[in-house]
PDB file of N, CA and C in Angstrom:
ATOM      1  N   MET A   1      23.788 -37.979  40.468  1.00  0.00           N
ATOM      2  CA  MET A   1      23.168 -36.757  40.800  1.00  0.00           C
ATOM      3  C   MET A   1      22.185 -36.259  39.741  1.00  0.00           C
ATOM      4  N   SER A   2      21.246 -37.033  39.485  1.00  0.00           N
ATOM      5  CA  SER A   2      20.188 -36.611  38.545  1.00  0.00           C
ATOM      6  C   SER A   2      19.128 -35.894  39.317  1.00  0.00           C
ATOM      7  N   LYS A   3      18.578 -34.847  38.682  1.00  0.00           N
ATOM      8  CA  LYS A   3      17.520 -34.083  39.287  1.00  0.00           C
ATOM      9  C   LYS A   3      16.145 -34.570  38.776  1.00  0.00           C
ATOM     10  N   LYS A   4      15.205 -34.617  39.681  1.00  0.00           N
ATOM     11  CA  LYS A   4      13.814 -35.001  39.285  1.00  0.00           C
ATOM     12  C   LYS A   4      12.997 -33.713  39.312  1.00  0.00           C
ATOM     13  N   PHE A   5      12.321 -33.501  38.217  1.00  0.00           N
ATOM     14  CA  PHE A   5      11.471 -32.258  38.172  1.00  0.00           C
ATOM     15  C   PHE A   5      10.130 -32.606  38.736  1.00  0.00           C
ATOM     16  N   SER A   6       9.519 -31.627  39.445  1.00  0.00           N
ATOM     17  CA  SER A   6       8.225 -31.878  40.026  1.00  0.00           C
ATOM     18  C   SER A   6       7.081 -31.593  39.070  1.00  0.00           C
ATOM     19  N   LYS A   7       7.322 -30.896  38.013  1.00  0.00           N
ATOM     20  CA  LYS A   7       6.241 -30.577  37.035  1.00  0.00           C
ATOM     21  C   LYS A   7       6.197 -31.589  35.938  1.00  0.00           C
ATOM     22  N   GLN A   8       5.019 -31.862  35.464  1.00  0.00           N
ATOM     23  CA  GLN A   8       4.822 -32.744  34.309  1.00  0.00           C
ATOM     24  C   GLN A   8       5.196 -32.022  33.031  1.00  0.00           C
ATOM     25  N   THR A   9       5.669 -32.744  32.029  1.00  0.00           N
ATOM     26  CA  THR A   9       5.940 -32.151  30.738  1.00  0.00           C
ATOM     27  C   THR A   9       4.597 -31.849  30.059  1.00  0.00           C
ATOM     28  N   VAL A  10       4.665 -30.839  29.248  1.00  0.00           N
ATOM     29  CA  VAL A  10       3.460 -30.387  28.542  1.00  0.00           C
ATOM     30  C   VAL A  10       3.394 -31.119  27.188  1.00  0.00           C
ATOM     31  N   GLU A  11       2.222 -31.629  26.934  1.00  0.00           N
ATOM     32  CA  GLU A  11       1.957 -32.276  25.607  1.00  0.00           C
ATOM     33  C   GLU A  11       1.351 -31.272  24.692  1.00  0.00           C
ATOM     34  N   LEU A  12       1.957 -31.068  23.519  1.00  0.00           N
ATOM     35  CA  LEU A  12       1.479 -30.056  22.591  1.00  0.00           C
ATOM     36  C   LEU A  12       0.329 -30.674  21.799  1.00  0.00           C
ATOM     37  N   ALA A  13      -0.649 -29.814  21.466  1.00  0.00           N
ATOM     38  CA  ALA A  13      -1.765 -30.228  20.641  1.00  0.00           C
ATOM     39  C   ALA A  13      -1.289 -30.355  19.243  1.00  0.00           C
ATOM     40  N   GLU A  14      -2.019 -31.129  18.414  1.00  0.00           N
ATOM     41  CA  GLU A  14      -1.725 -31.326  17.050  1.00  0.00           C
ATOM     42  C   GLU A  14      -1.824 -29.953  16.295  1.00  0.00           C
ATOM     43  N   GLN A  15      -0.829 -29.624  15.523  1.00  0.00           N
ATOM     44  CA  GLN A  15      -0.801 -28.374  14.850  1.00  0.00           C
ATOM     45  C   GLN A  15      -1.706 -28.443  13.608  1.00  0.00           C
ATOM     46  N   LYS A  16      -2.355 -27.340  13.278  1.00  0.00           N
ATOM     47  CA  LYS A  16      -3.119 -27.248  12.077  1.00  0.00           C
ATOM     48  C   LYS A  16      -2.206 -26.943  10.892  1.00  0.00           C
ATOM     49  N   PRO A  17      -2.620 -27.329   9.721  1.00  0.00           N
ATOM     50  CA  PRO A  17      -1.796 -26.903   8.539  1.00  0.00           C
ATOM     51  C   PRO A  17      -1.823 -25.371   8.365  1.00  0.00           C
ATOM     52  N   SER A  18      -0.755 -24.886   7.778  1.00  0.00           N
ATOM     53  CA  SER A  18      -0.707 -23.435   7.657  1.00  0.00           C
ATOM     54  C   SER A  18      -1.872 -22.880   6.817  1.00  0.00           C
ATOM     55  N   ARG A  19      -2.228 -21.657   7.078  1.00  0.00           N
ATOM     56  CA  ARG A  19      -3.367 -21.029   6.412  1.00  0.00           C
ATOM     57  C   ARG A  19      -3.101 -20.858   4.905  1.00  0.00           C
ATOM     58  N   ILE A  20      -1.818 -20.640   4.547  1.00  0.00           N
ATOM     59  CA  ILE A  20      -1.512 -20.481   3.140  1.00  0.00           C
ATOM     60  C   ILE A  20      -1.817 -21.758   2.384  1.00  0.00           C
ATOM     61  N   ARG A  21      -1.549 -22.906   2.978  1.00  0.00           N
ATOM     62  CA  ARG A  21      -1.830 -24.150   2.287  1.00  0.00           C
ATOM     63  C   ARG A  21      -3.310 -24.522   2.300  1.00  0.00           C
ATOM     64  N   ARG A  22      -4.002 -24.065   3.338  1.00  0.00           N
ATOM     65  CA  ARG A  22      -5.450 -24.348   3.392  1.00  0.00           C
ATOM     66  C   ARG A  22      -6.220 -23.467   2.455  1.00  0.00           C
ATOM     67  N   ASP A  23      -5.972 -22.164   2.505  1.00  0.00           N
ATOM     68  CA  ASP A  23      -6.714 -21.180   1.677  1.00  0.00           C
ATOM     69  C   ASP A  23      -5.814 -20.523   0.645  1.00  0.00           C
ATOM     70  N   PRO A  24      -5.710 -21.029  -0.546  1.00  0.00           N
ATOM     71  CA  PRO A  24      -4.891 -20.452  -1.542  1.00  0.00           C
ATOM     72  C   PRO A  24      -5.423 -19.078  -1.980  1.00  0.00           C
ATOM     73  N   ALA A  25      -4.546 -18.262  -2.463  1.00  0.00           N
ATOM     74  CA  ALA A  25      -4.919 -16.863  -2.855  1.00  0.00           C
ATOM     75  C   ALA A  25      -5.945 -16.961  -3.979  1.00  0.00           C
ATOM     76  N   SER A  26      -6.902 -16.028  -3.919  1.00  0.00           N
ATOM     77  CA  SER A  26      -7.959 -16.017  -4.929  1.00  0.00           C
ATOM     78  C   SER A  26      -7.381 -15.279  -6.166  1.00  0.00           C
ATOM     79  N   VAL A  27      -7.760 -15.777  -7.322  1.00  0.00           N
ATOM     80  CA  VAL A  27      -7.340 -15.200  -8.572  1.00  0.00           C
ATOM     81  C   VAL A  27      -8.414 -14.234  -9.058  1.00  0.00           C
ATOM     82  N   PRO A  28      -8.021 -12.943  -9.339  1.00  0.00           N
ATOM     83  CA  PRO A  28      -8.976 -12.014  -9.823  1.00  0.00           C
ATOM     84  C   PRO A  28      -9.615 -12.379 -11.115  1.00  0.00           C
ATOM     85  N   ASN A  29     -10.798 -11.896 -11.399  1.00  0.00           N
ATOM     86  CA  ASN A  29     -11.515 -12.188 -12.610  1.00  0.00           C
ATOM     87  C   ASN A  29     -10.717 -11.575 -13.817  1.00  0.00           C
ATOM     88  N   PRO A  30     -10.464 -12.356 -14.873  1.00  0.00           N
ATOM     89  CA  PRO A  30      -9.711 -11.821 -15.985  1.00  0.00           C
ATOM     90  C   PRO A  30     -10.328 -10.620 -16.687  1.00  0.00           C
ATOM     91  N   GLU A  31     -11.719 -10.640 -16.690  1.00  0.00           N
ATOM     92  CA  GLU A  31     -12.421  -9.473 -17.327  1.00  0.00           C
ATOM     93  C   GLU A  31     -12.107  -8.166 -16.584  1.00  0.00           C
ATOM     94  N   THR A  32     -12.068  -8.207 -15.236  1.00  0.00           N
ATOM     95  CA  THR A  32     -11.740  -7.042 -14.434  1.00  0.00           C
ATOM     96  C   THR A  32     -10.288  -6.604 -14.647  1.00  0.00           C
ATOM     97  N   LEU A  33      -9.404  -7.481 -14.834  1.00  0.00           N
ATOM     98  CA  LEU A  33      -8.019  -7.127 -15.072  1.00  0.00           C
ATOM     99  C   LEU A  33      -7.880  -6.431 -16.429  1.00  0.00           C
ATOM    100  N   VAL A  34      -8.526  -6.898 -17.439  1.00  0.00           N
ATOM    101  CA  VAL A  34      -8.461  -6.274 -18.742  1.00  0.00           C
ATOM    102  C   VAL A  34      -9.106  -4.930 -18.753  1.00  0.00           C
ATOM    103  N   ARG A  35     -10.276  -4.788 -18.066  1.00  0.00           N
ATOM    104  CA  ARG A  35     -11.022  -3.566 -18.032  1.00  0.00           C
ATOM    105  C   ARG A  35     -10.267  -2.457 -17.332  1.00  0.00           C
ATOM    106  N   ASP A  36      -9.609  -2.749 -16.236  1.00  0.00           N
ATOM    107  CA  ASP A  36      -8.913  -1.765 -15.376  1.00  0.00           C
ATOM    108  C   ASP A  36      -7.415  -1.617 -15.721  1.00  0.00           C
ATOM    109  N   ALA A  37      -6.966  -2.366 -16.659  1.00  0.00           N
ATOM    110  CA  ALA A  37      -5.519  -2.385 -16.967  1.00  0.00           C
ATOM    111  C   ALA A  37      -5.025  -1.050 -17.487  1.00  0.00           C
ATOM    112  N   TRP A  38      -5.789  -0.371 -18.326  1.00  0.00           N
ATOM    113  CA  TRP A  38      -5.316   0.901 -18.916  1.00  0.00           C
ATOM    114  C   TRP A  38      -5.237   1.988 -17.812  1.00  0.00           C
ATOM    115  N   TRP A  39      -6.176   1.950 -16.816  1.00  0.00           N
ATOM    116  CA  TRP A  39      -6.173   3.015 -15.778  1.00  0.00           C
ATOM    117  C   TRP A  39      -5.062   2.750 -14.787  1.00  0.00           C
ATOM    118  N   ASN A  40      -4.753   1.488 -14.437  1.00  0.00           N
ATOM    119  CA  ASN A  40      -3.792   1.185 -13.436  1.00  0.00           C
ATOM    120  C   ASN A  40      -2.408   1.020 -14.003  1.00  0.00           C
ATOM    121  N   SER A  41      -2.237   1.465 -15.245  1.00  0.00           N
ATOM    122  CA  SER A  41      -0.860   1.207 -15.855  1.00  0.00           C
ATOM    123  C   SER A  41       0.144   2.172 -15.346  1.00  0.00           C
ATOM    124  N   ARG A  42       1.389   1.918 -15.539  1.00  0.00           N
ATOM    125  CA  ARG A  42       2.475   2.761 -15.075  1.00  0.00           C
ATOM    126  C   ARG A  42       2.446   4.127 -15.828  1.00  0.00           C
ATOM    127  N   GLU A  43       2.051   4.150 -17.041  1.00  0.00           N
ATOM    128  CA  GLU A  43       2.006   5.366 -17.828  1.00  0.00           C
ATOM    129  C   GLU A  43       1.000   6.376 -17.176  1.00  0.00           C
ATOM    130  N   TRP A  44      -0.150   5.884 -16.784  1.00  0.00           N
ATOM    131  CA  TRP A  44      -1.145   6.735 -16.191  1.00  0.00           C
ATOM    132  C   TRP A  44      -0.638   7.249 -14.795  1.00  0.00           C
ATOM    133  N   GLU A  45       0.070   6.434 -14.113  1.00  0.00           N
ATOM    134  CA  GLU A  45       0.537   6.824 -12.812  1.00  0.00           C
ATOM    135  C   GLU A  45       1.594   7.975 -12.984  1.00  0.00           C
ATOM    136  N   ILE A  46       2.429   7.835 -14.026  1.00  0.00           N
ATOM    137  CA  ILE A  46       3.360   8.904 -14.262  1.00  0.00           C
ATOM    138  C   ILE A  46       2.688  10.208 -14.671  1.00  0.00           C
ATOM    139  N   ARG A  47       1.690  10.083 -15.563  1.00  0.00           N
ATOM    140  CA  ARG A  47       0.952  11.265 -16.043  1.00  0.00           C
ATOM    141  C   ARG A  47       0.285  11.976 -14.945  1.00  0.00           C
ATOM    142  N   LEU A  48      -0.314  11.219 -14.018  1.00  0.00           N
ATOM    143  CA  LEU A  48      -1.033  11.838 -12.864  1.00  0.00           C
ATOM    144  C   LEU A  48      -0.028  12.515 -11.934  1.00  0.00           C
ATOM    145  N   ALA A  49       1.070  11.949 -11.760  1.00  0.00           N
ATOM    146  CA  ALA A  49       2.137  12.516 -10.872  1.00  0.00           C
ATOM    147  C   ALA A  49       2.616  13.833 -11.497  1.00  0.00           C
ATOM    148  N   ILE A  50       2.889  13.821 -12.792  1.00  0.00           N
ATOM    149  CA  ILE A  50       3.377  15.039 -13.441  1.00  0.00           C
ATOM    150  C   ILE A  50       2.309  16.139 -13.380  1.00  0.00           C
ATOM    151  N   GLY A  51       1.066  15.736 -13.610  1.00  0.00           N
ATOM    152  CA  GLY A  51      -0.063  16.720 -13.492  1.00  0.00           C
ATOM    153  C   GLY A  51      -0.162  17.267 -12.137  1.00  0.00           C
ATOM    154  N   GLY A  52       0.005  16.484 -11.108  1.00  0.00           N
ATOM    155  CA  GLY A  52      -0.035  17.000  -9.709  1.00  0.00           C
ATOM    156  C   GLY A  52       1.094  17.924  -9.425  1.00  0.00           C
ATOM    157  N   ILE A  53       2.283  17.625  -9.916  1.00  0.00           N
ATOM    158  CA  ILE A  53       3.419  18.520  -9.684  1.00  0.00           C
ATOM    159  C   ILE A  53       3.215  19.861 -10.388  1.00  0.00           C
ATOM    160  N   VAL A  54       2.723  19.809 -11.588  1.00  0.00           N
ATOM    161  CA  VAL A  54       2.461  21.063 -12.316  1.00  0.00           C
ATOM    162  C   VAL A  54       1.393  21.917 -11.630  1.00  0.00           C
ATOM    163  N   PHE A  55       0.336  21.243 -11.197  1.00  0.00           N
ATOM    164  CA  PHE A  55      -0.726  21.950 -10.514  1.00  0.00           C
ATOM    165  C   PHE A  55      -0.222  22.570  -9.211  1.00  0.00           C
ATOM    166  N   PHE A  56       0.613  21.838  -8.457  1.00  0.00           N
ATOM    167  CA  PHE A  56       1.187  22.399  -7.212  1.00  0.00           C
ATOM    168  C   PHE A  56       2.074  23.578  -7.509  1.00  0.00           C
ATOM    169  N   ALA A  57       2.886  23.491  -8.647  1.00  0.00           N
ATOM    170  CA  ALA A  57       3.797  24.574  -8.971  1.00  0.00           C
ATOM    171  C   ALA A  57       2.977  25.813  -9.317  1.00  0.00           C
ATOM    172  N   VAL A  58       1.933  25.677 -10.121  1.00  0.00           N
ATOM    173  CA  VAL A  58       1.135  26.797 -10.515  1.00  0.00           C
ATOM    174  C   VAL A  58       0.462  27.427  -9.286  1.00  0.00           C
ATOM    175  N   ALA A  59      -0.011  26.596  -8.311  1.00  0.00           N
ATOM    176  CA  ALA A  59      -0.662  27.090  -7.126  1.00  0.00           C
ATOM    177  C   ALA A  59       0.401  27.904  -6.293  1.00  0.00           C
ATOM    178  N   ILE A  60       1.557  27.390  -6.129  1.00  0.00           N
ATOM    179  CA  ILE A  60       2.626  28.093  -5.375  1.00  0.00           C
ATOM    180  C   ILE A  60       2.949  29.401  -6.030  1.00  0.00           C
ATOM    181  N   SER A  61       3.097  29.387  -7.392  1.00  0.00           N
ATOM    182  CA  SER A  61       3.352  30.616  -8.164  1.00  0.00           C
ATOM    183  C   SER A  61       2.310  31.683  -7.942  1.00  0.00           C
ATOM    184  N   ALA A  62       1.039  31.247  -8.075  1.00  0.00           N
ATOM    185  CA  ALA A  62      -0.053  32.197  -7.884  1.00  0.00           C
ATOM    186  C   ALA A  62      -0.051  32.759  -6.458  1.00  0.00           C
ATOM    187  N   LEU A  63       0.268  31.932  -5.493  1.00  0.00           N
ATOM    188  CA  LEU A  63       0.287  32.425  -4.090  1.00  0.00           C
ATOM    189  C   LEU A  63       1.419  33.433  -3.916  1.00  0.00           C
ATOM    190  N   VAL A  64       2.579  33.182  -4.504  1.00  0.00           N
ATOM    191  CA  VAL A  64       3.731  34.088  -4.339  1.00  0.00           C
ATOM    192  C   VAL A  64       3.398  35.413  -5.079  1.00  0.00           C
ATOM    193  N   ILE A  65       2.869  35.361  -6.248  1.00  0.00           N
ATOM    194  CA  ILE A  65       2.523  36.587  -6.978  1.00  0.00           C
ATOM    195  C   ILE A  65       1.449  37.429  -6.237  1.00  0.00           C
ATOM    196  N   ASP A  66       0.456  36.692  -5.725  1.00  0.00           N
ATOM    197  CA  ASP A  66      -0.611  37.405  -4.951  1.00  0.00           C
ATOM    198  C   ASP A  66      -0.026  37.980  -3.640  1.00  0.00           C
ATOM    199  N   LEU A  67       0.807  37.314  -2.968  1.00  0.00           N
ATOM    200  CA  LEU A  67       1.409  37.852  -1.779  1.00  0.00           C
ATOM    201  C   LEU A  67       2.301  39.016  -2.061  1.00  0.00           C
ATOM    202  N   GLY A  68       3.051  38.962  -3.205  1.00  0.00           N
ATOM    203  CA  GLY A  68       3.889  40.087  -3.618  1.00  0.00           C
ATOM    204  C   GLY A  68       3.015  41.297  -3.914  1.00  0.00           C
ATOM    205  N   GLU A  69       1.917  41.145  -4.653  1.00  0.00           N
ATOM    206  CA  GLU A  69       0.986  42.261  -4.923  1.00  0.00           C
ATOM    207  C   GLU A  69       0.456  42.874  -3.656  1.00  0.00           C
ATOM    208  N   PHE A  70       0.161  42.061  -2.691  1.00  0.00           N
ATOM    209  CA  PHE A  70      -0.450  42.522  -1.457  1.00  0.00           C
ATOM    210  C   PHE A  70       0.608  43.294  -0.631  1.00  0.00           C
ATOM    211  N   LEU A  71       1.868  42.876  -0.629  1.00  0.00           N
ATOM    212  CA  LEU A  71       2.857  43.514   0.205  1.00  0.00           C
ATOM    213  C   LEU A  71       3.394  44.779  -0.417  1.00  0.00           C
ATOM    214  N   ILE A  72       3.282  44.944  -1.771  1.00  0.00           N
ATOM    215  CA  ILE A  72       3.742  46.177  -2.406  1.00  0.00           C
ATOM    216  C   ILE A  72       2.809  47.311  -2.104  1.00  0.00           C
ATOM    217  N   ARG A  73       1.565  47.098  -1.943  1.00  0.00           N
ATOM    218  CA  ARG A  73       0.580  48.173  -1.722  1.00  0.00           C
ATOM    219  C   ARG A  73       0.576  48.516  -0.301  1.00  0.00           C
TER     220      ARG A  73
END
């Protein structure tokens, strides 16, 4: 009781090599890495985050004080 299929089997085309193996990642220029290293460092990221938090806190405080002055009068 073997079945015969009416459709032909599909032949797969030859696969291309993966893109990672064909095109390796480009390496950035070392001069650019050295020049931008101080700005992209973790310390600067922390400093900017703290500055943003302080600026936001001062802005909220000024808004609350201004709103309080407005509502008292």
